[in-house]
Amino acid sequence: MSKAKKSLVCWALLSPFLVVVLFPYATMLSTSLKQKDEIFTFHRTWLPREFYLGNFAELIFEKGFGRALANSLAISIGATVLSLAVAIPAAYALTRMRVPAKGVLTNYLLITQMISPIVLIIGLFRMFAYFGLVNSLLSVIIAHSAFFMAFAVWMLQSYFATISKDLEEAAWIDGAGRFSAFIRVFLPLCLPGIAVTAIFTFVNSWNEYAMSLTLLRQVSQQTAPVQIAFLTGTLYQIEWHLIMAATLLASVPVAIVFATIQRYLIGGMALGGVK
C-alpha cells in the first residue's frame, strides 16, 4: 500500500473522532455568532442568518469580560513563570546533585498532587488575609504556582534524567563552569520538556476556578472562568449567546500559547538530535 493510500485510510479511521472533537467548537462558534432570538427558534439552523458580532461587543464593553481575560492572562503567565523559575533549578538539582532522601522527596511531590485545591481553600484564604493579599492578583499567582510547582518539578526531573551528562562534562573540560554549561548546553536540550511543563501550568492556571473565586472578591478582578460561571447563574434564563461567545474568547489565548510554544518544542527536539 502506498503512502498516500495509508494516509487516506488513517484519515478515514480518525474522521469519527475528529468530528467528536470539533463538534463542540463548531456549536460554540455558531451560537456565539447568532442573535438571542435566533438560538431557540423552531426552524433553527446551524449557520446564523448573519454574522452577528454584538455578543462579543456586549461581553467586552458591558459585561467587563475583556478585563476578566486580562486578569486571567496576567495570572496564568505569572504562575507559569514563577513555577518554572523554581521548578527548573529544583529538578536540575534532583537529577545532577546529591540530595538526601531524594526518592522520598520525589514521591512526596507526586503525592501532593492527589490533594484537591478545594481542601486548601480555607487555609489559603486565611493565610493571604493575614498578609493583606486578598483581592490581589498576586495572591492567585502565588497560590497557582505553589500548587502546580510540585508536578512541574516531578515532570521536569523525569525529563532531565534522560539528558546525558557527557555533554555537560565536555563543557566543563572546555573550561565552562556549571552555571555556564547549564545555560548554554543543558537548557537548550531541555526545551521540549520545559515547553510541555509550561503548557500544562498555563492551561491549568487559566482554567482554575475555586482559588480565583475565593481570593478575588471584587468584580473588576474576576477571571474569565469565574465570569463565565456567573453568566450561567442568571435569575431568569441562561444567556447562551453570551456564554458561547465568552467561551470562544477564553479559548483563543490558550490556543495561541500552545501554537507559540509548540515551535520551541519542535526546535528543542531538533537541537537535541544535532548532538
C-alpha atoms as a PDB file:
ATOM      1  CA  MET A   1       0.000   0.000   0.000  1.00  0.00           C
ATOM      2  CA  SER A   2       1.380   3.382  -0.985  1.00  0.00           C
ATOM      3  CA  LYS A   3       1.966   6.193   1.455  1.00  0.00           C
ATOM      4  CA  ALA A   4      -0.957   8.219   0.067  1.00  0.00           C
ATOM      5  CA  LYS A   5      -3.372   5.310   0.499  1.00  0.00           C
ATOM      6  CA  LYS A   6      -2.163   4.730   4.042  1.00  0.00           C
ATOM      7  CA  SER A   7      -2.797   8.403   4.817  1.00  0.00           C
ATOM      8  CA  LEU A   8      -6.323   8.212   3.380  1.00  0.00           C
ATOM      9  CA  VAL A   9      -7.069   5.099   5.428  1.00  0.00           C
ATOM     10  CA  CYS A  10      -5.755   6.738   8.608  1.00  0.00           C
ATOM     11  CA  TRP A  11      -7.824   9.873   7.998  1.00  0.00           C
ATOM     12  CA  ALA A  12     -10.911   7.735   7.299  1.00  0.00           C
ATOM     13  CA  LEU A  13     -10.452   5.852  10.568  1.00  0.00           C
ATOM     14  CA  LEU A  14      -9.806   9.033  12.537  1.00  0.00           C
ATOM     15  CA  SER A  15     -12.612  11.089  10.986  1.00  0.00           C
ATOM     16  CA  PRO A  16     -15.290   9.993  13.530  1.00  0.00           C
ATOM     17  CA  PHE A  17     -13.022  11.033  16.398  1.00  0.00           C
ATOM     18  CA  LEU A  18     -12.273  14.299  14.588  1.00  0.00           C
ATOM     19  CA  VAL A  19     -15.987  15.043  14.326  1.00  0.00           C
ATOM     20  CA  VAL A  20     -16.490  14.349  18.030  1.00  0.00           C
ATOM     21  CA  VAL A  21     -13.613  16.680  18.940  1.00  0.00           C
ATOM     22  CA  LEU A  22     -14.624  19.531  16.624  1.00  0.00           C
ATOM     23  CA  PHE A  23     -18.394  19.326  17.192  1.00  0.00           C
ATOM     24  CA  PRO A  24     -18.404  21.348  20.476  1.00  0.00           C
ATOM     25  CA  TYR A  25     -16.217  24.051  18.929  1.00  0.00           C
ATOM     26  CA  ALA A  26     -18.476  24.281  15.869  1.00  0.00           C
ATOM     27  CA  THR A  27     -21.523  24.621  18.124  1.00  0.00           C
ATOM     28  CA  MET A  28     -19.764  27.245  20.231  1.00  0.00           C
ATOM     29  CA  LEU A  29     -18.754  29.295  17.189  1.00  0.00           C
ATOM     30  CA  SER A  30     -22.185  29.062  15.569  1.00  0.00           C
ATOM     31  CA  THR A  31     -24.071  30.044  18.725  1.00  0.00           C
ATOM     32  CA  SER A  32     -21.725  32.933  19.527  1.00  0.00           C
ATOM     33  CA  LEU A  33     -22.446  34.495  16.123  1.00  0.00           C
ATOM     34  CA  LYS A  34     -26.252  34.305  16.482  1.00  0.00           C
ATOM     35  CA  GLN A  35     -28.641  36.800  17.982  1.00  0.00           C
ATOM     36  CA  LYS A  36     -30.519  35.863  21.135  1.00  0.00           C
ATOM     37  CA  ASP A  37     -33.885  35.266  19.474  1.00  0.00           C
ATOM     38  CA  GLU A  38     -32.309  33.067  16.824  1.00  0.00           C
ATOM     39  CA  ILE A  39     -30.924  30.370  19.141  1.00  0.00           C
ATOM     40  CA  PHE A  40     -34.150  28.673  20.241  1.00  0.00           C
ATOM     41  CA  THR A  41     -36.363  29.284  17.226  1.00  0.00           C
ATOM     42  CA  PHE A  42     -38.287  26.318  15.854  1.00  0.00           C
ATOM     43  CA  HIS A  43     -36.636  26.409  12.443  1.00  0.00           C
ATOM     44  CA  ARG A  44     -33.178  26.975  13.808  1.00  0.00           C
ATOM     45  CA  THR A  45     -30.191  26.181  11.614  1.00  0.00           C
ATOM     46  CA  TRP A  46     -26.514  25.626  12.273  1.00  0.00           C
ATOM     47  CA  LEU A  47     -25.428  28.711  10.405  1.00  0.00           C
ATOM     48  CA  PRO A  48     -26.602  32.118  11.652  1.00  0.00           C
ATOM     49  CA  ARG A  49     -28.704  34.339   9.420  1.00  0.00           C
ATOM     50  CA  GLU A  50     -25.889  36.884   9.626  1.00  0.00           C
ATOM     51  CA  PHE A  51     -22.576  37.025  11.417  1.00  0.00           C
ATOM     52  CA  TYR A  52     -23.647  38.965  14.487  1.00  0.00           C
ATOM     53  CA  LEU A  53     -20.715  40.372  16.492  1.00  0.00           C
ATOM     54  CA  GLY A  54     -22.871  42.178  19.038  1.00  0.00           C
ATOM     55  CA  ASN A  55     -22.427  39.350  21.567  1.00  0.00           C
ATOM     56  CA  PHE A  56     -18.685  39.966  21.737  1.00  0.00           C
ATOM     57  CA  ALA A  57     -19.176  43.729  21.990  1.00  0.00           C
ATOM     58  CA  GLU A  58     -21.686  43.282  24.832  1.00  0.00           C
ATOM     59  CA  LEU A  59     -19.308  40.970  26.668  1.00  0.00           C
ATOM     60  CA  ILE A  60     -16.288  43.232  26.408  1.00  0.00           C
ATOM     61  CA  PHE A  61     -17.851  46.666  26.881  1.00  0.00           C
ATOM     62  CA  GLU A  62     -20.914  45.973  29.068  1.00  0.00           C
ATOM     63  CA  LYS A  63     -20.089  42.809  31.000  1.00  0.00           C
ATOM     64  CA  GLY A  64     -16.401  43.654  31.516  1.00  0.00           C
ATOM     65  CA  PHE A  65     -15.202  40.348  30.090  1.00  0.00           C
ATOM     66  CA  GLY A  66     -12.184  41.994  28.486  1.00  0.00           C
ATOM     67  CA  ARG A  67     -10.841  42.872  31.934  1.00  0.00           C
ATOM     68  CA  ALA A  68     -11.507  39.291  33.059  1.00  0.00           C
ATOM     69  CA  LEU A  69      -9.467  37.965  30.133  1.00  0.00           C
ATOM     70  CA  ALA A  70      -6.637  40.351  31.024  1.00  0.00           C
ATOM     71  CA  ASN A  71      -6.740  39.181  34.651  1.00  0.00           C
ATOM     72  CA  SER A  72      -6.632  35.520  33.621  1.00  0.00           C
ATOM     73  CA  LEU A  73      -3.757  36.198  31.237  1.00  0.00           C
ATOM     74  CA  ALA A  74      -1.734  38.036  33.892  1.00  0.00           C
ATOM     75  CA  ILE A  75      -2.347  35.299  36.468  1.00  0.00           C
ATOM     76  CA  SER A  76      -1.557  32.425  34.096  1.00  0.00           C
ATOM     77  CA  ILE A  77       1.647  33.994  32.756  1.00  0.00           C
ATOM     78  CA  GLY A  78       2.777  34.949  36.259  1.00  0.00           C
ATOM     79  CA  ALA A  79       2.062  31.476  37.663  1.00  0.00           C
ATOM     80  CA  THR A  80       3.841  29.795  34.745  1.00  0.00           C
ATOM     81  CA  VAL A  81       6.947  31.961  35.008  1.00  0.00           C
ATOM     82  CA  LEU A  82       7.145  31.629  38.799  1.00  0.00           C
ATOM     83  CA  SER A  83       6.606  27.861  38.697  1.00  0.00           C
ATOM     84  CA  LEU A  84       9.287  27.325  36.047  1.00  0.00           C
ATOM     85  CA  ALA A  85      11.711  29.686  37.807  1.00  0.00           C
ATOM     86  CA  VAL A  86      11.618  27.414  40.857  1.00  0.00           C
ATOM     87  CA  ALA A  87      10.959  24.046  39.208  1.00  0.00           C
ATOM     88  CA  ILE A  88      13.842  24.133  36.710  1.00  0.00           C
ATOM     89  CA  PRO A  89      16.652  24.612  39.295  1.00  0.00           C
ATOM     90  CA  ALA A  90      14.949  22.172  41.683  1.00  0.00           C
ATOM     91  CA  ALA A  91      14.614  19.480  39.018  1.00  0.00           C
ATOM     92  CA  TYR A  92      18.214  20.044  37.912  1.00  0.00           C
ATOM     93  CA  ALA A  93      19.444  19.650  41.474  1.00  0.00           C
ATOM     94  CA  LEU A  94      17.473  16.420  41.913  1.00  0.00           C
ATOM     95  CA  THR A  95      18.966  14.899  38.756  1.00  0.00           C
ATOM     96  CA  ARG A  96      22.534  16.215  38.821  1.00  0.00           C
ATOM     97  CA  MET A  97      23.410  16.656  42.512  1.00  0.00           C
ATOM     98  CA  ARG A  98      23.402  14.510  45.623  1.00  0.00           C
ATOM     99  CA  VAL A  99      20.224  15.297  47.528  1.00  0.00           C
ATOM    100  CA  PRO A 100      19.499  13.473  50.810  1.00  0.00           C
ATOM    101  CA  ALA A 101      16.320  11.346  50.667  1.00  0.00           C
ATOM    102  CA  LYS A 102      15.803  12.212  47.012  1.00  0.00           C
ATOM    103  CA  GLY A 103      13.419   9.306  46.444  1.00  0.00           C
ATOM    104  CA  VAL A 104      11.245  10.283  49.400  1.00  0.00           C
ATOM    105  CA  LEU A 105      11.122  13.898  48.189  1.00  0.00           C
ATOM    106  CA  THR A 106      10.161  12.851  44.672  1.00  0.00           C
ATOM    107  CA  ASN A 107       7.341  10.642  45.935  1.00  0.00           C
ATOM    108  CA  TYR A 108       6.176  13.419  48.237  1.00  0.00           C
ATOM    109  CA  LEU A 109       5.943  15.827  45.293  1.00  0.00           C
ATOM    110  CA  LEU A 110       3.769  13.340  43.441  1.00  0.00           C
ATOM    111  CA  ILE A 111       1.547  12.636  46.468  1.00  0.00           C
ATOM    112  CA  THR A 112       0.815  16.351  46.913  1.00  0.00           C
ATOM    113  CA  GLN A 113      -0.926  16.327  43.524  1.00  0.00           C
ATOM    114  CA  MET A 114      -3.542  13.940  44.924  1.00  0.00           C
ATOM    115  CA  ILE A 115      -4.848  16.703  47.206  1.00  0.00           C
ATOM    116  CA  SER A 116      -7.715  18.702  45.745  1.00  0.00           C
ATOM    117  CA  PRO A 117      -7.354  22.508  45.803  1.00  0.00           C
ATOM    118  CA  ILE A 118     -10.780  22.711  47.473  1.00  0.00           C
ATOM    119  CA  VAL A 119      -9.288  21.202  50.645  1.00  0.00           C
ATOM    120  CA  LEU A 120      -6.765  24.044  50.862  1.00  0.00           C
ATOM    121  CA  ILE A 121      -9.123  26.935  50.099  1.00  0.00           C
ATOM    122  CA  ILE A 122      -9.882  27.960  53.710  1.00  0.00           C
ATOM    123  CA  GLY A 123      -6.251  27.747  54.785  1.00  0.00           C
ATOM    124  CA  LEU A 124      -5.070  29.721  51.766  1.00  0.00           C
ATOM    125  CA  PHE A 125      -7.698  32.406  52.305  1.00  0.00           C
ATOM    126  CA  ARG A 126      -6.760  32.847  55.979  1.00  0.00           C
ATOM    127  CA  MET A 127      -3.052  32.966  55.142  1.00  0.00           C
ATOM    128  CA  PHE A 128      -3.430  35.569  52.390  1.00  0.00           C
ATOM    129  CA  ALA A 129      -5.862  37.568  54.532  1.00  0.00           C
ATOM    130  CA  TYR A 130      -3.238  37.672  57.298  1.00  0.00           C
ATOM    131  CA  PHE A 131      -0.677  39.125  54.876  1.00  0.00           C
ATOM    132  CA  GLY A 132      -3.227  41.509  53.341  1.00  0.00           C
ATOM    133  CA  LEU A 133      -3.116  39.877  49.892  1.00  0.00           C
ATOM    134  CA  VAL A 134      -6.825  39.142  49.441  1.00  0.00           C
ATOM    135  CA  ASN A 135      -8.302  40.937  46.403  1.00  0.00           C
ATOM    136  CA  SER A 136      -4.891  40.891  44.754  1.00  0.00           C
ATOM    137  CA  LEU A 137      -3.877  39.100  41.581  1.00  0.00           C
ATOM    138  CA  LEU A 138      -0.546  38.364  43.260  1.00  0.00           C
ATOM    139  CA  SER A 139      -2.260  36.068  45.756  1.00  0.00           C
ATOM    140  CA  VAL A 140      -3.741  33.930  42.978  1.00  0.00           C
ATOM    141  CA  ILE A 141      -0.397  33.849  41.136  1.00  0.00           C
ATOM    142  CA  ILE A 142       1.354  32.590  44.273  1.00  0.00           C
ATOM    143  CA  ALA A 143      -1.401  30.060  45.007  1.00  0.00           C
ATOM    144  CA  HIS A 144      -1.414  28.687  41.461  1.00  0.00           C
ATOM    145  CA  SER A 145       2.354  28.477  41.184  1.00  0.00           C
ATOM    146  CA  ALA A 146       2.639  26.774  44.580  1.00  0.00           C
ATOM    147  CA  PHE A 147       0.015  24.178  43.695  1.00  0.00           C
ATOM    148  CA  PHE A 148       1.332  23.390  40.185  1.00  0.00           C
ATOM    149  CA  MET A 149       5.020  23.645  41.103  1.00  0.00           C
ATOM    150  CA  ALA A 150       5.247  20.152  42.602  1.00  0.00           C
ATOM    151  CA  PHE A 151       4.078  18.479  39.406  1.00  0.00           C
ATOM    152  CA  ALA A 152       6.345  20.746  37.351  1.00  0.00           C
ATOM    153  CA  VAL A 153       9.372  19.625  39.387  1.00  0.00           C
ATOM    154  CA  TRP A 154       8.374  15.978  39.123  1.00  0.00           C
ATOM    155  CA  MET A 155       7.778  16.246  35.375  1.00  0.00           C
ATOM    156  CA  LEU A 156      10.991  18.161  34.643  1.00  0.00           C
ATOM    157  CA  GLN A 157      13.037  15.821  36.796  1.00  0.00           C
ATOM    158  CA  SER A 158      11.831  12.852  34.746  1.00  0.00           C
ATOM    159  CA  TYR A 159      12.809  14.645  31.535  1.00  0.00           C
ATOM    160  CA  PHE A 160      16.147  15.964  32.809  1.00  0.00           C
ATOM    161  CA  ALA A 161      17.157  12.415  33.768  1.00  0.00           C
ATOM    162  CA  THR A 162      17.101  11.453  30.067  1.00  0.00           C
ATOM    163  CA  ILE A 163      19.753  14.073  29.175  1.00  0.00           C
ATOM    164  CA  SER A 164      23.247  12.591  29.096  1.00  0.00           C
ATOM    165  CA  LYS A 165      25.822  14.040  31.488  1.00  0.00           C
ATOM    166  CA  ASP A 166      28.565  13.657  28.895  1.00  0.00           C
ATOM    167  CA  LEU A 167      27.688  16.934  27.187  1.00  0.00           C
ATOM    168  CA  GLU A 168      27.974  18.890  30.433  1.00  0.00           C
ATOM    169  CA  GLU A 169      31.216  17.152  31.325  1.00  0.00           C
ATOM    170  CA  ALA A 170      32.598  18.023  27.897  1.00  0.00           C
ATOM    171  CA  ALA A 171      31.693  21.661  28.516  1.00  0.00           C
ATOM    172  CA  TRP A 172      33.428  21.538  31.899  1.00  0.00           C
ATOM    173  CA  ILE A 173      36.582  20.177  30.247  1.00  0.00           C
ATOM    174  CA  ASP A 174      36.472  23.068  27.770  1.00  0.00           C
ATOM    175  CA  GLY A 175      36.517  25.487  30.709  1.00  0.00           C
ATOM    176  CA  ALA A 176      32.839  26.243  31.230  1.00  0.00           C
ATOM    177  CA  GLY A 177      31.513  26.428  34.769  1.00  0.00           C
ATOM    178  CA  ARG A 178      28.460  24.550  35.993  1.00  0.00           C
ATOM    179  CA  PHE A 179      26.191  27.562  35.533  1.00  0.00           C
ATOM    180  CA  SER A 180      27.534  28.318  32.046  1.00  0.00           C
ATOM    181  CA  ALA A 181      27.135  24.687  30.991  1.00  0.00           C
ATOM    182  CA  PHE A 182      23.636  24.685  32.434  1.00  0.00           C
ATOM    183  CA  ILE A 183      22.594  27.756  30.425  1.00  0.00           C
ATOM    184  CA  ARG A 184      24.391  27.054  27.147  1.00  0.00           C
ATOM    185  CA  VAL A 185      24.310  23.257  26.907  1.00  0.00           C
ATOM    186  CA  PHE A 186      21.722  21.764  29.243  1.00  0.00           C
ATOM    187  CA  LEU A 187      18.757  24.146  28.891  1.00  0.00           C
ATOM    188  CA  PRO A 188      18.616  24.125  25.045  1.00  0.00           C
ATOM    189  CA  LEU A 189      18.369  20.336  25.147  1.00  0.00           C
ATOM    190  CA  CYS A 190      15.543  20.531  27.689  1.00  0.00           C
ATOM    191  CA  LEU A 191      13.281  22.885  25.723  1.00  0.00           C
ATOM    192  CA  PRO A 192      10.752  20.151  24.845  1.00  0.00           C
ATOM    193  CA  GLY A 193      10.249  19.199  28.498  1.00  0.00           C
ATOM    194  CA  ILE A 194      10.117  22.828  29.601  1.00  0.00           C
ATOM    195  CA  ALA A 195       7.604  23.652  26.851  1.00  0.00           C
ATOM    196  CA  VAL A 196       5.296  20.796  27.853  1.00  0.00           C
ATOM    197  CA  THR A 197       5.508  21.808  31.514  1.00  0.00           C
ATOM    198  CA  ALA A 198       4.799  25.444  30.627  1.00  0.00           C
ATOM    199  CA  ILE A 199       1.726  24.433  28.622  1.00  0.00           C
ATOM    200  CA  PHE A 200       0.468  22.276  31.483  1.00  0.00           C
ATOM    201  CA  THR A 201       0.944  25.052  34.041  1.00  0.00           C
ATOM    202  CA  PHE A 202      -0.571  27.776  31.860  1.00  0.00           C
ATOM    203  CA  VAL A 203      -3.670  25.775  30.908  1.00  0.00           C
ATOM    204  CA  ASN A 204      -4.347  24.626  34.469  1.00  0.00           C
ATOM    205  CA  SER A 205      -3.900  28.150  35.818  1.00  0.00           C
ATOM    206  CA  TRP A 206      -6.136  29.564  33.062  1.00  0.00           C
ATOM    207  CA  ASN A 207      -8.944  27.098  33.811  1.00  0.00           C
ATOM    208  CA  GLU A 208      -8.705  27.213  37.625  1.00  0.00           C
ATOM    209  CA  TYR A 209     -11.894  28.393  39.287  1.00  0.00           C
ATOM    210  CA  ALA A 210     -12.088  27.764  43.048  1.00  0.00           C
ATOM    211  CA  MET A 211      -8.995  29.715  44.174  1.00  0.00           C
ATOM    212  CA  SER A 212      -9.791  32.647  41.894  1.00  0.00           C
ATOM    213  CA  LEU A 213     -13.377  32.818  43.158  1.00  0.00           C
ATOM    214  CA  THR A 214     -12.272  32.712  46.814  1.00  0.00           C
ATOM    215  CA  LEU A 215      -9.286  35.065  46.771  1.00  0.00           C
ATOM    216  CA  LEU A 216     -10.624  37.706  44.354  1.00  0.00           C
ATOM    217  CA  ARG A 217     -13.718  39.326  45.823  1.00  0.00           C
ATOM    218  CA  GLN A 218     -14.092  42.356  43.551  1.00  0.00           C
ATOM    219  CA  VAL A 219     -15.880  42.172  40.201  1.00  0.00           C
ATOM    220  CA  SER A 220     -13.069  44.058  38.442  1.00  0.00           C
ATOM    221  CA  GLN A 221     -10.583  41.364  39.473  1.00  0.00           C
ATOM    222  CA  GLN A 222     -12.568  38.305  38.416  1.00  0.00           C
ATOM    223  CA  THR A 223     -11.011  35.851  35.994  1.00  0.00           C
ATOM    224  CA  ALA A 224     -12.565  34.503  32.802  1.00  0.00           C
ATOM    225  CA  PRO A 225     -13.761  31.144  34.263  1.00  0.00           C
ATOM    226  CA  VAL A 226     -15.421  32.956  37.183  1.00  0.00           C
ATOM    227  CA  GLN A 227     -17.271  35.368  34.911  1.00  0.00           C
ATOM    228  CA  ILE A 228     -18.387  32.562  32.606  1.00  0.00           C
ATOM    229  CA  ALA A 229     -19.777  30.724  35.633  1.00  0.00           C
ATOM    230  CA  PHE A 230     -21.637  33.870  36.700  1.00  0.00           C
ATOM    231  CA  LEU A 231     -23.177  34.133  33.221  1.00  0.00           C
ATOM    232  CA  THR A 232     -24.784  30.717  33.727  1.00  0.00           C
ATOM    233  CA  GLY A 233     -26.320  31.799  37.048  1.00  0.00           C
ATOM    234  CA  THR A 234     -28.774  34.438  35.890  1.00  0.00           C
ATOM    235  CA  LEU A 235     -32.101  34.655  37.685  1.00  0.00           C
ATOM    236  CA  TYR A 236     -34.498  34.183  34.787  1.00  0.00           C
ATOM    237  CA  GLN A 237     -32.740  32.490  31.865  1.00  0.00           C
ATOM    238  CA  ILE A 238     -29.334  31.387  30.683  1.00  0.00           C
ATOM    239  CA  GLU A 239     -27.894  33.680  28.030  1.00  0.00           C
ATOM    240  CA  TRP A 240     -26.318  31.032  25.823  1.00  0.00           C
ATOM    241  CA  HIS A 241     -25.267  33.503  23.152  1.00  0.00           C
ATOM    242  CA  LEU A 242     -23.094  35.353  25.679  1.00  0.00           C
ATOM    243  CA  ILE A 243     -21.810  32.159  27.311  1.00  0.00           C
ATOM    244  CA  MET A 244     -20.690  30.718  23.975  1.00  0.00           C
ATOM    245  CA  ALA A 245     -19.076  33.994  22.952  1.00  0.00           C
ATOM    246  CA  ALA A 246     -17.232  34.175  26.283  1.00  0.00           C
ATOM    247  CA  THR A 247     -16.111  30.554  25.996  1.00  0.00           C
ATOM    248  CA  LEU A 248     -14.825  31.194  22.480  1.00  0.00           C
ATOM    249  CA  LEU A 249     -12.849  34.235  23.628  1.00  0.00           C
ATOM    250  CA  ALA A 250     -11.465  32.274  26.587  1.00  0.00           C
ATOM    251  CA  SER A 251     -10.260  29.504  24.260  1.00  0.00           C
ATOM    252  CA  VAL A 252      -8.275  31.786  21.966  1.00  0.00           C
ATOM    253  CA  PRO A 253      -5.363  32.683  24.342  1.00  0.00           C
ATOM    254  CA  VAL A 254      -4.792  29.013  25.210  1.00  0.00           C
ATOM    255  CA  ALA A 255      -4.671  28.087  21.527  1.00  0.00           C
ATOM    256  CA  ILE A 256      -2.235  30.945  20.795  1.00  0.00           C
ATOM    257  CA  VAL A 257       0.064  29.990  23.673  1.00  0.00           C
ATOM    258  CA  PHE A 258       0.047  26.342  22.643  1.00  0.00           C
ATOM    259  CA  ALA A 259       0.813  27.188  18.996  1.00  0.00           C
ATOM    260  CA  THR A 260       3.631  29.540  20.023  1.00  0.00           C
ATOM    261  CA  ILE A 261       5.300  27.157  22.467  1.00  0.00           C
ATOM    262  CA  GLN A 262       4.928  24.258  20.040  1.00  0.00           C
ATOM    263  CA  ARG A 263       7.507  25.860  17.757  1.00  0.00           C
ATOM    264  CA  TYR A 264      10.040  25.939  20.587  1.00  0.00           C
ATOM    265  CA  LEU A 265       9.152  22.352  21.468  1.00  0.00           C
ATOM    266  CA  ILE A 266       9.932  21.135  17.937  1.00  0.00           C
ATOM    267  CA  GLY A 267      13.040  23.312  17.781  1.00  0.00           C
ATOM    268  CA  GLY A 268      14.325  21.889  21.056  1.00  0.00           C
ATOM    269  CA  MET A 269      13.794  18.326  19.834  1.00  0.00           C
ATOM    270  CA  ALA A 270      15.728  19.079  16.644  1.00  0.00           C
ATOM    271  CA  LEU A 271      18.503  20.762  18.635  1.00  0.00           C
ATOM    272  CA  GLY A 272      18.831  17.729  20.865  1.00  0.00           C
ATOM    273  CA  GLY A 273      19.150  15.462  17.827  1.00  0.00           C
ATOM    274  CA  VAL A 274      22.047  17.507  16.394  1.00  0.00           C
ATOM    275  CA  LYS A 275      24.307  16.464  19.245  1.00  0.00           C
END
